Amino acid sequence: MTMTISLHDVTQIDSHVWRASIDRPETSIFKRASSHRIGQLTVILVHSPPKFDATANTLSFAPASATLLNQGFADQAIIIHSPSFSLHAPPGERDKSSDGDERFLHFLRNDLTTIGTSLLRGVRKFFPQGTLVFHPKSGKYVESPHLCNFWTVRIQPRDKSLRITVYGTPESFQLGDSSTVNLKKDMNSYSVFKVAHERQILDAIAIIKQAHQKKCGDKST
């Protein structure tokens, strides 16, 4: 019989993202991706579909299918279900520099954990074959240079924001009158904006999706 763990008083943030309280000793049953501890929030990646009960506000999953991406200093955790973020591919199938999705999630801190996780989940919904690639010199995570690079993201801990560049000039994007994003001209044919609040997530994903359509067309399908 498969062992399961159940978390209570769970809040659903996105279709595959939840927030819950978890005591630090309880996280010892999960595989660890790293021994580093950054920020307040614990981040747990679940590869098999967890069971969320919206009525009871509980989330259940098998510890064997979970990986601890970060052990936070508080008792709050972000739980992400995504089978595509595999940390255990056979040797030779992954280049270390292409572990960007997992690295990006691991280095998010505090409120940026929820924002960054939801943002990346939104992008992977329309571009599931992609993966971020981290560039240490610039601190940027670049989307799939081998497929189609249409956006980049950089974590900015000091002002607690994500700096995002997208392919396309500001005037080429369709933004609603109530858009929460301030799109500005960047170098060459790119635009730049910051995301620092959860209310900006949907607008940010919509802009990144438009950039994907402009840059990639059918090259990513």
N, C-alpha and C. Protein backbone atom coordinates (compact mmCIF):
# COMPACT_ATOMS: atom_id res chain seq x y z
N MET A 1 0.84 -1.19 0.00
CA MET A 1 0.00 0.00 0.00
C MET A 1 0.88 1.25 0.00
N THR A 2 0.58 2.20 -0.88
CA THR A 2 1.39 3.40 -1.01
C THR A 2 1.14 4.35 0.15
N MET A 3 2.21 4.82 0.75
CA MET A 3 2.11 5.78 1.84
C MET A 3 1.74 7.15 1.29
N THR A 4 0.84 7.84 1.97
CA THR A 4 0.45 9.19 1.55
C THR A 4 0.57 10.15 2.73
N ILE A 5 0.73 11.42 2.41
CA ILE A 5 0.74 12.47 3.41
C ILE A 5 -0.40 13.42 3.10
N SER A 6 -1.08 13.90 4.11
CA SER A 6 -2.20 14.83 3.92
C SER A 6 -1.90 16.14 4.63
N LEU A 7 -2.04 17.23 3.89
CA LEU A 7 -1.86 18.57 4.45
C LEU A 7 -3.23 19.21 4.62
N HIS A 8 -3.41 19.96 5.69
CA HIS A 8 -4.70 20.58 6.00
C HIS A 8 -4.63 22.10 5.88
N ASP A 9 -5.81 22.72 5.84
CA ASP A 9 -5.89 24.19 5.68
C ASP A 9 -5.11 24.65 4.46
N VAL A 10 -5.33 23.96 3.36
CA VAL A 10 -4.60 24.22 2.12
C VAL A 10 -5.33 25.28 1.30
N THR A 11 -4.58 26.19 0.71
CA THR A 11 -5.13 27.20 -0.19
C THR A 11 -4.66 26.92 -1.60
N GLN A 12 -5.60 26.82 -2.54
CA GLN A 12 -5.22 26.60 -3.93
C GLN A 12 -4.91 27.94 -4.59
N ILE A 13 -3.71 28.06 -5.15
CA ILE A 13 -3.26 29.28 -5.80
C ILE A 13 -3.52 29.23 -7.29
N ASP A 14 -3.25 28.07 -7.88
CA ASP A 14 -3.45 27.84 -9.32
C ASP A 14 -3.94 26.41 -9.46
N SER A 15 -4.20 25.99 -10.69
CA SER A 15 -4.74 24.64 -10.89
C SER A 15 -3.77 23.56 -10.42
N HIS A 16 -2.48 23.88 -10.37
CA HIS A 16 -1.48 22.89 -9.95
C HIS A 16 -0.56 23.44 -8.86
N VAL A 17 -1.00 24.47 -8.16
CA VAL A 17 -0.16 25.09 -7.14
C VAL A 17 -0.99 25.33 -5.88
N TRP A 18 -0.44 24.95 -4.72
CA TRP A 18 -1.14 25.13 -3.45
C TRP A 18 -0.19 25.71 -2.41
N ARG A 19 -0.78 26.29 -1.38
CA ARG A 19 -0.01 26.80 -0.24
C ARG A 19 -0.57 26.16 1.02
N ALA A 20 0.32 25.73 1.91
CA ALA A 20 -0.12 25.05 3.13
C ALA A 20 0.92 25.22 4.23
N SER A 21 0.49 24.92 5.45
CA SER A 21 1.41 24.90 6.59
C SER A 21 1.99 23.50 6.71
N ILE A 22 3.29 23.44 6.98
CA ILE A 22 3.93 22.15 7.19
C ILE A 22 5.09 22.35 8.16
N ASP A 23 5.15 21.51 9.18
CA ASP A 23 6.24 21.59 10.14
C ASP A 23 7.54 21.13 9.47
N ARG A 24 8.62 21.80 9.80
CA ARG A 24 9.90 21.48 9.17
C ARG A 24 10.32 20.01 9.36
N PRO A 25 10.10 19.40 10.53
CA PRO A 25 10.47 17.98 10.66
C PRO A 25 9.73 17.07 9.68
N GLU A 26 8.52 17.47 9.27
CA GLU A 26 7.74 16.64 8.35
C GLU A 26 8.38 16.56 6.97
N THR A 27 9.18 17.55 6.62
CA THR A 27 9.78 17.55 5.27
C THR A 27 10.93 16.57 5.14
N SER A 28 11.33 15.95 6.24
CA SER A 28 12.47 15.02 6.19
C SER A 28 12.17 13.77 5.39
N ILE A 29 10.89 13.50 5.12
CA ILE A 29 10.53 12.29 4.37
C ILE A 29 10.67 12.49 2.86
N PHE A 30 10.90 13.72 2.41
CA PHE A 30 10.99 13.98 0.97
C PHE A 30 12.44 13.90 0.49
N LYS A 31 12.59 13.52 -0.78
CA LYS A 31 13.90 13.60 -1.42
C LYS A 31 14.30 15.07 -1.49
N ARG A 32 15.58 15.34 -1.38
CA ARG A 32 16.06 16.73 -1.42
C ARG A 32 16.81 16.99 -2.72
N ALA A 33 16.46 18.11 -3.37
CA ALA A 33 17.19 18.51 -4.57
C ALA A 33 18.46 19.25 -4.20
N SER A 34 18.48 19.86 -3.01
CA SER A 34 19.63 20.65 -2.58
C SER A 34 19.59 20.78 -1.06
N SER A 35 20.75 21.00 -0.49
CA SER A 35 20.84 21.21 0.96
C SER A 35 20.73 22.69 1.33
N HIS A 36 20.67 23.57 0.31
CA HIS A 36 20.59 25.01 0.56
C HIS A 36 19.23 25.38 1.16
N ARG A 37 19.23 26.41 2.00
CA ARG A 37 18.00 26.94 2.58
C ARG A 37 17.93 28.42 2.26
N ILE A 38 16.88 28.82 1.54
CA ILE A 38 16.75 30.21 1.10
C ILE A 38 15.36 30.71 1.42
N GLY A 39 15.27 31.84 2.11
CA GLY A 39 13.98 32.47 2.35
C GLY A 39 13.12 31.74 3.35
N GLN A 40 11.88 32.18 3.46
CA GLN A 40 10.95 31.66 4.46
C GLN A 40 10.15 30.46 3.98
N LEU A 41 9.84 30.41 2.68
CA LEU A 41 8.92 29.39 2.17
C LEU A 41 9.63 28.10 1.77
N THR A 42 9.02 26.99 2.14
CA THR A 42 9.44 25.68 1.66
C THR A 42 8.76 25.43 0.31
N VAL A 43 9.48 24.81 -0.62
CA VAL A 43 8.94 24.52 -1.94
C VAL A 43 9.04 23.02 -2.18
N ILE A 44 7.89 22.40 -2.46
CA ILE A 44 7.82 20.96 -2.69
C ILE A 44 7.28 20.70 -4.09
N LEU A 45 8.01 19.91 -4.86
CA LEU A 45 7.60 19.55 -6.21
C LEU A 45 7.03 18.13 -6.19
N VAL A 46 5.79 17.96 -6.65
CA VAL A 46 5.11 16.66 -6.66
C VAL A 46 4.95 16.21 -8.11
N HIS A 47 5.49 15.04 -8.43
CA HIS A 47 5.48 14.56 -9.81
C HIS A 47 4.19 13.82 -10.16
N SER A 48 3.64 13.07 -9.22
CA SER A 48 2.37 12.37 -9.45
C SER A 48 1.21 13.26 -9.03
N PRO A 49 0.05 13.14 -9.69
CA PRO A 49 -1.08 14.02 -9.37
C PRO A 49 -1.52 13.90 -7.91
N PRO A 50 -1.48 14.99 -7.15
CA PRO A 50 -1.99 14.95 -5.77
C PRO A 50 -3.51 15.02 -5.77
N LYS A 51 -4.12 14.70 -4.65
CA LYS A 51 -5.57 14.76 -4.51
C LYS A 51 -5.94 15.95 -3.64
N PHE A 52 -6.62 16.93 -4.25
CA PHE A 52 -7.03 18.12 -3.52
C PHE A 52 -8.53 18.07 -3.26
N ASP A 53 -8.90 18.20 -2.00
CA ASP A 53 -10.30 18.25 -1.60
C ASP A 53 -10.64 19.70 -1.28
N ALA A 54 -11.35 20.35 -2.20
CA ALA A 54 -11.66 21.77 -2.04
C ALA A 54 -12.63 22.03 -0.90
N THR A 55 -13.44 21.03 -0.56
CA THR A 55 -14.39 21.19 0.54
C THR A 55 -13.70 21.14 1.89
N ALA A 56 -12.82 20.16 2.03
CA ALA A 56 -12.09 19.99 3.30
C ALA A 56 -10.79 20.78 3.34
N ASN A 57 -10.40 21.34 2.20
CA ASN A 57 -9.13 22.08 2.09
C ASN A 57 -7.94 21.21 2.49
N THR A 58 -7.92 19.99 1.94
CA THR A 58 -6.81 19.08 2.20
C THR A 58 -6.13 18.71 0.89
N LEU A 59 -4.86 18.39 0.97
CA LEU A 59 -4.08 17.97 -0.19
C LEU A 59 -3.30 16.72 0.21
N SER A 60 -3.48 15.64 -0.57
CA SER A 60 -2.83 14.38 -0.27
C SER A 60 -1.97 13.94 -1.44
N PHE A 61 -0.79 13.40 -1.13
CA PHE A 61 0.09 12.89 -2.18
C PHE A 61 1.09 11.91 -1.56
N ALA A 62 1.73 11.14 -2.42
CA ALA A 62 2.71 10.16 -1.96
C ALA A 62 4.06 10.84 -1.76
N PRO A 63 4.66 10.73 -0.59
CA PRO A 63 5.98 11.33 -0.36
C PRO A 63 7.03 10.86 -1.35
N ALA A 64 6.88 9.62 -1.83
CA ALA A 64 7.86 9.08 -2.77
C ALA A 64 7.86 9.82 -4.10
N SER A 65 6.75 10.52 -4.40
CA SER A 65 6.66 11.24 -5.67
C SER A 65 7.01 12.72 -5.51
N ALA A 66 7.51 13.10 -4.33
CA ALA A 66 7.77 14.51 -4.05
C ALA A 66 9.26 14.78 -3.88
N THR A 67 9.66 15.97 -4.29
CA THR A 67 11.04 16.43 -4.13
C THR A 67 11.04 17.76 -3.41
N LEU A 68 11.88 17.90 -2.41
CA LEU A 68 12.00 19.15 -1.66
C LEU A 68 12.99 20.05 -2.40
N LEU A 69 12.46 21.11 -3.03
CA LEU A 69 13.32 22.04 -3.77
C LEU A 69 13.99 23.04 -2.84
N ASN A 70 13.29 23.43 -1.79
CA ASN A 70 13.86 24.37 -0.82
C ASN A 70 13.23 24.15 0.54
N GLN A 71 14.07 24.15 1.57
CA GLN A 71 13.60 24.08 2.95
C GLN A 71 13.61 25.48 3.53
N GLY A 72 12.44 26.08 3.65
CA GLY A 72 12.35 27.44 4.17
C GLY A 72 12.52 27.49 5.68
N PHE A 73 12.59 28.70 6.20
CA PHE A 73 12.79 28.89 7.63
C PHE A 73 11.46 29.02 8.38
N ALA A 74 10.36 29.15 7.65
CA ALA A 74 9.03 29.23 8.26
C ALA A 74 8.29 27.91 8.04
N ASP A 75 7.05 27.83 8.52
CA ASP A 75 6.27 26.60 8.38
C ASP A 75 5.29 26.67 7.22
N GLN A 76 5.52 27.59 6.28
CA GLN A 76 4.67 27.72 5.11
C GLN A 76 5.34 27.08 3.90
N ALA A 77 4.54 26.37 3.10
CA ALA A 77 5.09 25.67 1.94
C ALA A 77 4.26 25.93 0.70
N ILE A 78 4.93 25.95 -0.43
CA ILE A 78 4.29 25.96 -1.74
C ILE A 78 4.45 24.57 -2.33
N ILE A 79 3.35 23.97 -2.74
CA ILE A 79 3.37 22.63 -3.33
C ILE A 79 3.00 22.76 -4.80
N ILE A 80 3.86 22.25 -5.67
CA ILE A 80 3.67 22.36 -7.11
C ILE A 80 3.54 20.97 -7.70
N HIS A 81 2.49 20.75 -8.49
CA HIS A 81 2.40 19.50 -9.23
C HIS A 81 2.81 19.76 -10.67
N SER A 82 3.87 19.11 -11.09
CA SER A 82 4.30 19.24 -12.48
C SER A 82 5.20 18.07 -12.84
N PRO A 83 4.65 17.09 -13.57
CA PRO A 83 5.47 15.95 -13.97
C PRO A 83 6.57 16.34 -14.94
N SER A 84 6.45 17.51 -15.61
CA SER A 84 7.45 17.91 -16.60
C SER A 84 8.74 18.38 -15.96
N PHE A 85 8.70 18.81 -14.68
CA PHE A 85 9.90 19.26 -13.99
C PHE A 85 10.57 18.04 -13.37
N SER A 86 11.20 17.22 -14.19
CA SER A 86 11.81 15.99 -13.69
C SER A 86 13.25 16.25 -13.27
N LEU A 87 13.55 15.92 -12.02
CA LEU A 87 14.90 16.11 -11.52
C LEU A 87 15.74 14.85 -11.65
N HIS A 88 15.14 13.80 -12.19
CA HIS A 88 15.83 12.51 -12.16
C HIS A 88 15.90 11.86 -13.53
N ALA A 89 16.15 12.65 -14.57
CA ALA A 89 16.31 12.08 -15.90
C ALA A 89 17.60 11.27 -15.95
N PRO A 90 17.66 10.23 -16.81
CA PRO A 90 18.88 9.42 -16.91
C PRO A 90 20.08 10.27 -17.27
N PRO A 91 21.27 9.90 -16.81
CA PRO A 91 22.47 10.66 -17.13
C PRO A 91 22.64 10.83 -18.63
N GLY A 92 23.06 11.99 -19.06
CA GLY A 92 23.28 12.24 -20.47
C GLY A 92 22.10 12.85 -21.17
N GLU A 93 20.91 12.77 -20.57
CA GLU A 93 19.72 13.32 -21.21
C GLU A 93 19.52 14.78 -20.87
N ARG A 94 20.21 15.26 -19.84
CA ARG A 94 20.05 16.65 -19.43
C ARG A 94 21.42 17.29 -19.29
N ASP A 95 21.55 18.49 -19.80
CA ASP A 95 22.74 19.29 -19.56
C ASP A 95 22.50 20.10 -18.29
N LYS A 96 23.52 20.21 -17.45
CA LYS A 96 23.33 20.89 -16.17
C LYS A 96 22.84 22.32 -16.35
N SER A 97 23.28 22.99 -17.44
CA SER A 97 22.89 24.37 -17.67
C SER A 97 21.43 24.51 -18.03
N SER A 98 20.76 23.42 -18.39
CA SER A 98 19.36 23.48 -18.81
C SER A 98 18.40 23.13 -17.67
N ASP A 99 18.92 23.03 -16.45
CA ASP A 99 18.05 22.75 -15.31
C ASP A 99 17.36 24.02 -14.83
N GLY A 100 17.10 24.93 -15.74
CA GLY A 100 16.66 26.27 -15.35
C GLY A 100 15.30 26.33 -14.68
N ASP A 101 14.34 25.51 -15.12
CA ASP A 101 13.02 25.54 -14.50
C ASP A 101 13.13 25.24 -13.01
N GLU A 102 13.84 24.15 -12.68
CA GLU A 102 14.00 23.76 -11.28
C GLU A 102 14.82 24.79 -10.51
N ARG A 103 15.87 25.29 -11.15
CA ARG A 103 16.72 26.28 -10.48
C ARG A 103 15.94 27.57 -10.20
N PHE A 104 15.15 27.99 -11.18
CA PHE A 104 14.34 29.19 -11.01
C PHE A 104 13.40 29.04 -9.82
N LEU A 105 12.70 27.91 -9.74
CA LEU A 105 11.78 27.67 -8.64
C LEU A 105 12.52 27.62 -7.30
N HIS A 106 13.69 27.02 -7.33
CA HIS A 106 14.45 26.85 -6.09
C HIS A 106 14.90 28.19 -5.49
N PHE A 107 15.25 29.14 -6.34
CA PHE A 107 15.81 30.40 -5.84
C PHE A 107 14.78 31.51 -5.66
N LEU A 108 13.51 31.22 -5.84
CA LEU A 108 12.47 32.20 -5.52
C LEU A 108 12.35 32.34 -4.01
N ARG A 109 12.11 33.56 -3.55
CA ARG A 109 12.04 33.80 -2.11
C ARG A 109 10.71 34.46 -1.74
N ASN A 110 10.22 34.10 -0.57
CA ASN A 110 9.07 34.76 0.04
C ASN A 110 7.91 34.89 -0.95
N ASP A 111 7.36 36.11 -1.12
CA ASP A 111 6.20 36.31 -1.99
C ASP A 111 6.49 35.96 -3.44
N LEU A 112 7.75 36.07 -3.86
CA LEU A 112 8.10 35.74 -5.24
C LEU A 112 7.94 34.26 -5.53
N THR A 113 7.89 33.43 -4.49
CA THR A 113 7.68 32.00 -4.70
C THR A 113 6.33 31.75 -5.35
N THR A 114 5.29 32.34 -4.81
CA THR A 114 3.95 32.20 -5.39
C THR A 114 3.89 32.82 -6.77
N ILE A 115 4.43 34.01 -6.91
CA ILE A 115 4.37 34.73 -8.19
C ILE A 115 5.13 33.97 -9.27
N GLY A 116 6.38 33.60 -8.97
CA GLY A 116 7.21 32.92 -9.97
C GLY A 116 6.70 31.55 -10.34
N THR A 117 6.21 30.82 -9.34
CA THR A 117 5.66 29.49 -9.60
C THR A 117 4.44 29.56 -10.51
N SER A 118 3.52 30.45 -10.21
CA SER A 118 2.31 30.59 -11.02
C SER A 118 2.64 31.08 -12.42
N LEU A 119 3.61 31.98 -12.52
CA LEU A 119 4.02 32.49 -13.83
C LEU A 119 4.59 31.38 -14.70
N LEU A 120 5.51 30.60 -14.15
CA LEU A 120 6.12 29.54 -14.93
C LEU A 120 5.11 28.46 -15.29
N ARG A 121 4.20 28.15 -14.36
CA ARG A 121 3.14 27.19 -14.67
C ARG A 121 2.31 27.68 -15.85
N GLY A 122 1.99 28.98 -15.85
CA GLY A 122 1.20 29.53 -16.94
C GLY A 122 1.89 29.44 -18.27
N VAL A 123 3.20 29.69 -18.29
CA VAL A 123 3.96 29.59 -19.54
C VAL A 123 4.03 28.15 -20.01
N ARG A 124 4.25 27.23 -19.08
CA ARG A 124 4.37 25.82 -19.48
C ARG A 124 3.04 25.24 -19.97
N LYS A 125 1.95 25.88 -19.68
CA LYS A 125 0.66 25.40 -20.19
C LYS A 125 0.59 25.55 -21.71
N PHE A 126 1.17 26.64 -22.25
CA PHE A 126 1.13 26.80 -23.71
C PHE A 126 2.47 26.47 -24.37
N PHE A 127 3.51 26.27 -23.58
CA PHE A 127 4.82 25.90 -24.13
C PHE A 127 5.44 24.82 -23.26
N PRO A 128 4.80 23.62 -23.21
CA PRO A 128 5.24 22.57 -22.28
C PRO A 128 6.59 21.97 -22.62
N GLN A 129 7.01 22.07 -23.87
CA GLN A 129 8.28 21.47 -24.28
C GLN A 129 9.48 22.35 -23.96
N GLY A 130 9.24 23.53 -23.45
CA GLY A 130 10.32 24.47 -23.18
C GLY A 130 11.01 24.22 -21.85
N THR A 131 12.16 24.85 -21.69
CA THR A 131 12.87 24.83 -20.42
C THR A 131 13.73 26.08 -20.32
N LEU A 132 13.79 26.65 -19.15
CA LEU A 132 14.63 27.82 -18.94
C LEU A 132 16.09 27.39 -18.87
N VAL A 133 16.97 28.25 -19.34
CA VAL A 133 18.42 28.03 -19.24
C VAL A 133 19.02 29.21 -18.49
N PHE A 134 19.73 28.92 -17.42
CA PHE A 134 20.29 29.98 -16.57
C PHE A 134 21.63 30.46 -17.11
N HIS A 135 21.79 31.79 -17.16
CA HIS A 135 23.04 32.42 -17.57
C HIS A 135 23.64 33.14 -16.35
N PRO A 136 24.66 32.56 -15.73
CA PRO A 136 25.20 33.12 -14.48
C PRO A 136 25.70 34.55 -14.62
N LYS A 137 26.29 34.91 -15.75
CA LYS A 137 26.88 36.24 -15.90
C LYS A 137 25.83 37.34 -15.79
N SER A 138 24.67 37.13 -16.44
CA SER A 138 23.62 38.14 -16.43
C SER A 138 22.57 37.89 -15.34
N GLY A 139 22.55 36.67 -14.81
CA GLY A 139 21.53 36.31 -13.83
C GLY A 139 20.17 36.04 -14.46
N LYS A 140 20.13 35.94 -15.79
CA LYS A 140 18.87 35.74 -16.50
C LYS A 140 18.58 34.26 -16.72
N TYR A 141 17.30 33.94 -16.73
CA TYR A 141 16.82 32.64 -17.17
C TYR A 141 16.23 32.86 -18.56
N VAL A 142 16.80 32.19 -19.56
CA VAL A 142 16.41 32.39 -20.95
C VAL A 142 15.59 31.20 -21.42
N GLU A 143 14.48 31.47 -22.07
CA GLU A 143 13.60 30.40 -22.55
C GLU A 143 14.20 29.67 -23.75
N SER A 144 14.39 28.40 -23.62
CA SER A 144 14.67 27.44 -24.69
C SER A 144 15.45 28.01 -25.87
N PRO A 145 16.73 28.39 -25.70
CA PRO A 145 17.49 28.92 -26.83
C PRO A 145 17.56 27.96 -28.01
N HIS A 146 17.49 26.66 -27.74
CA HIS A 146 17.56 25.66 -28.80
C HIS A 146 16.25 25.53 -29.57
N LEU A 147 15.15 26.06 -29.02
CA LEU A 147 13.85 26.00 -29.69
C LEU A 147 13.43 27.38 -30.16
N CYS A 148 13.09 28.24 -29.22
CA CYS A 148 12.66 29.59 -29.56
C CYS A 148 12.71 30.45 -28.30
N ASN A 149 13.62 31.40 -28.28
CA ASN A 149 13.75 32.29 -27.13
C ASN A 149 12.83 33.49 -27.31
N PHE A 150 11.74 33.53 -26.55
CA PHE A 150 10.79 34.63 -26.69
C PHE A 150 10.62 35.42 -25.40
N TRP A 151 11.24 34.94 -24.29
CA TRP A 151 11.18 35.70 -23.05
C TRP A 151 12.33 35.31 -22.13
N THR A 152 12.69 36.22 -21.25
CA THR A 152 13.67 35.94 -20.22
C THR A 152 13.13 36.45 -18.89
N VAL A 153 13.68 35.93 -17.82
CA VAL A 153 13.26 36.40 -16.49
C VAL A 153 14.47 36.44 -15.57
N ARG A 154 14.53 37.45 -14.74
CA ARG A 154 15.60 37.57 -13.75
C ARG A 154 14.98 37.86 -12.39
N ILE A 155 15.39 37.10 -11.39
CA ILE A 155 14.91 37.31 -10.03
C ILE A 155 15.65 38.50 -9.43
N GLN A 156 14.89 39.46 -8.88
CA GLN A 156 15.49 40.64 -8.27
C GLN A 156 15.10 40.70 -6.79
N PRO A 157 15.89 40.05 -5.93
CA PRO A 157 15.53 39.95 -4.51
C PRO A 157 15.43 41.29 -3.80
N ARG A 158 16.24 42.26 -4.19
CA ARG A 158 16.26 43.53 -3.45
C ARG A 158 14.94 44.28 -3.54
N ASP A 159 14.39 44.40 -4.75
CA ASP A 159 13.09 45.08 -4.85
C ASP A 159 11.94 44.10 -4.94
N LYS A 160 12.24 42.81 -4.68
CA LYS A 160 11.23 41.76 -4.60
C LYS A 160 10.36 41.72 -5.85
N SER A 161 11.02 41.59 -6.99
CA SER A 161 10.30 41.55 -8.26
C SER A 161 10.97 40.59 -9.23
N LEU A 162 10.26 40.28 -10.30
CA LEU A 162 10.81 39.55 -11.43
C LEU A 162 10.94 40.52 -12.59
N ARG A 163 12.11 40.61 -13.18
CA ARG A 163 12.32 41.46 -14.35
C ARG A 163 12.19 40.58 -15.59
N ILE A 164 11.22 40.87 -16.42
CA ILE A 164 10.90 40.03 -17.57
C ILE A 164 11.10 40.80 -18.86
N THR A 165 11.79 40.19 -19.81
CA THR A 165 11.88 40.76 -21.16
C THR A 165 11.12 39.84 -22.11
N VAL A 166 10.45 40.43 -23.08
CA VAL A 166 9.66 39.68 -24.06
C VAL A 166 9.96 40.19 -25.46
N TYR A 167 9.85 39.31 -26.43
CA TYR A 167 10.08 39.69 -27.82
C TYR A 167 8.91 40.54 -28.32
N GLY A 168 9.24 41.68 -28.92
CA GLY A 168 8.21 42.58 -29.44
C GLY A 168 8.31 43.95 -28.79
N THR A 169 8.02 44.99 -29.55
CA THR A 169 8.02 46.35 -29.02
C THR A 169 6.72 46.60 -28.24
N PRO A 170 6.72 47.54 -27.30
CA PRO A 170 5.53 47.76 -26.47
C PRO A 170 4.25 47.99 -27.26
N GLU A 171 4.34 48.75 -28.37
CA GLU A 171 3.13 49.06 -29.13
C GLU A 171 2.58 47.86 -29.90
N SER A 172 3.36 46.78 -30.00
CA SER A 172 2.89 45.60 -30.74
C SER A 172 2.05 44.66 -29.88
N PHE A 173 1.96 44.94 -28.58
CA PHE A 173 1.19 44.07 -27.69
C PHE A 173 -0.21 44.63 -27.47
N GLN A 174 -1.15 43.72 -27.32
CA GLN A 174 -2.53 44.10 -27.02
C GLN A 174 -2.73 44.03 -25.51
N LEU A 175 -2.83 45.20 -24.89
CA LEU A 175 -3.02 45.28 -23.44
C LEU A 175 -4.39 45.85 -23.14
N GLY A 176 -5.05 45.29 -22.17
CA GLY A 176 -6.36 45.81 -21.77
C GLY A 176 -6.23 47.14 -21.05
N ASP A 177 -7.32 47.87 -20.97
CA ASP A 177 -7.31 49.18 -20.29
C ASP A 177 -6.95 49.05 -18.82
N SER A 178 -7.25 47.91 -18.25
CA SER A 178 -6.97 47.70 -16.82
C SER A 178 -5.71 46.88 -16.58
N SER A 179 -4.82 46.86 -17.57
CA SER A 179 -3.60 46.06 -17.45
C SER A 179 -2.78 46.50 -16.24
N THR A 180 -2.25 45.53 -15.53
CA THR A 180 -1.44 45.80 -14.33
C THR A 180 0.05 45.85 -14.64
N VAL A 181 0.39 45.72 -15.91
CA VAL A 181 1.79 45.65 -16.33
C VAL A 181 2.20 46.92 -17.06
N ASN A 182 3.35 47.47 -16.70
CA ASN A 182 3.90 48.66 -17.35
C ASN A 182 5.00 48.21 -18.31
N LEU A 183 4.64 48.10 -19.57
CA LEU A 183 5.55 47.59 -20.60
C LEU A 183 6.40 48.72 -21.16
N LYS A 184 7.73 48.53 -21.17
CA LYS A 184 8.65 49.57 -21.65
C LYS A 184 9.57 49.00 -22.73
N LYS A 185 10.11 49.90 -23.55
CA LYS A 185 11.04 49.50 -24.60
C LYS A 185 12.35 49.03 -23.99
N ASP A 186 12.85 47.93 -24.51
CA ASP A 186 14.15 47.41 -24.09
C ASP A 186 15.07 47.39 -25.31
N MET A 187 16.17 46.71 -25.23
CA MET A 187 17.11 46.66 -26.34
C MET A 187 16.53 45.92 -27.54
N ASN A 188 16.96 46.37 -28.73
CA ASN A 188 16.58 45.75 -29.99
C ASN A 188 15.05 45.64 -30.11
N SER A 189 14.55 44.46 -30.38
CA SER A 189 13.10 44.28 -30.60
C SER A 189 12.41 43.72 -29.37
N TYR A 190 12.91 44.05 -28.20
CA TYR A 190 12.35 43.50 -26.97
C TYR A 190 11.74 44.58 -26.09
N SER A 191 10.83 44.15 -25.23
CA SER A 191 10.22 45.02 -24.22
C SER A 191 10.52 44.45 -22.84
N VAL A 192 10.37 45.27 -21.82
CA VAL A 192 10.69 44.84 -20.47
C VAL A 192 9.60 45.30 -19.50
N PHE A 193 9.34 44.51 -18.48
CA PHE A 193 8.42 44.91 -17.41
C PHE A 193 8.77 44.14 -16.14
N LYS A 194 8.23 44.61 -15.03
CA LYS A 194 8.45 43.96 -13.75
C LYS A 194 7.15 43.38 -13.21
N VAL A 195 7.28 42.29 -12.50
CA VAL A 195 6.14 41.68 -11.81
C VAL A 195 6.51 41.57 -10.33
N ALA A 196 5.71 42.20 -9.48
CA ALA A 196 5.99 42.20 -8.04
C ALA A 196 4.77 41.83 -7.21
N HIS A 197 3.61 41.65 -7.87
CA HIS A 197 2.37 41.38 -7.15
C HIS A 197 1.60 40.25 -7.84
N GLU A 198 0.87 39.48 -7.05
CA GLU A 198 0.10 38.36 -7.60
C GLU A 198 -0.94 38.83 -8.62
N ARG A 199 -1.48 40.03 -8.44
CA ARG A 199 -2.50 40.53 -9.36
C ARG A 199 -1.95 40.75 -10.77
N GLN A 200 -0.63 40.75 -10.93
CA GLN A 200 -0.02 40.97 -12.24
C GLN A 200 0.21 39.67 -13.02
N ILE A 201 0.02 38.54 -12.38
CA ILE A 201 0.41 37.27 -12.98
C ILE A 201 -0.32 37.00 -14.30
N LEU A 202 -1.64 37.13 -14.32
CA LEU A 202 -2.40 36.81 -15.53
C LEU A 202 -2.02 37.73 -16.68
N ASP A 203 -1.84 39.02 -16.40
CA ASP A 203 -1.42 39.95 -17.46
C ASP A 203 -0.03 39.59 -17.97
N ALA A 204 0.86 39.22 -17.06
CA ALA A 204 2.22 38.85 -17.45
C ALA A 204 2.21 37.62 -18.35
N ILE A 205 1.44 36.61 -18.00
CA ILE A 205 1.35 35.40 -18.81
C ILE A 205 0.79 35.72 -20.19
N ALA A 206 -0.22 36.58 -20.25
CA ALA A 206 -0.83 36.95 -21.53
C ALA A 206 0.20 37.65 -22.43
N ILE A 207 1.03 38.50 -21.86
CA ILE A 207 2.06 39.20 -22.63
C ILE A 207 3.12 38.21 -23.13
N ILE A 208 3.55 37.31 -22.27
CA ILE A 208 4.54 36.31 -22.67
C ILE A 208 3.99 35.41 -23.77
N LYS A 209 2.71 35.08 -23.69
CA LYS A 209 2.09 34.26 -24.73
C LYS A 209 2.06 34.99 -26.06
N GLN A 210 1.77 36.30 -26.04
CA GLN A 210 1.80 37.09 -27.27
C GLN A 210 3.22 37.13 -27.85
N ALA A 211 4.23 37.23 -26.98
CA ALA A 211 5.62 37.23 -27.44
C ALA A 211 5.96 35.90 -28.10
N HIS A 212 5.45 34.82 -27.54
CA HIS A 212 5.66 33.49 -28.12
C HIS A 212 5.07 33.42 -29.52
N GLN A 213 3.88 33.94 -29.69
CA GLN A 213 3.23 33.93 -31.01
C GLN A 213 3.99 34.78 -32.01
N LYS A 214 4.54 35.92 -31.56
CA LYS A 214 5.29 36.80 -32.46
C LYS A 214 6.60 36.17 -32.90
N LYS A 215 7.33 35.60 -31.95
CA LYS A 215 8.68 35.12 -32.22
C LYS A 215 8.71 33.71 -32.81
N CYS A 216 7.86 32.84 -32.29
CA CYS A 216 7.98 31.42 -32.61
C CYS A 216 7.05 30.96 -33.73
N GLY A 217 5.87 31.55 -33.83
CA GLY A 217 4.93 31.07 -34.83
C GLY A 217 4.66 29.60 -34.63
N ASP A 218 4.91 28.79 -35.66
CA ASP A 218 4.68 27.34 -35.55
C ASP A 218 5.98 26.59 -35.32
N LYS A 219 7.07 27.31 -35.00
CA LYS A 219 8.36 26.65 -34.83
C LYS A 219 8.42 25.82 -33.55
N SER A 220 7.56 26.14 -32.59
CA SER A 220 7.61 25.44 -31.30
C SER A 220 6.60 24.33 -31.19
N THR A 221 5.84 24.08 -32.23
CA THR A 221 4.81 23.05 -32.18
C THR A 221 5.29 21.77 -32.81
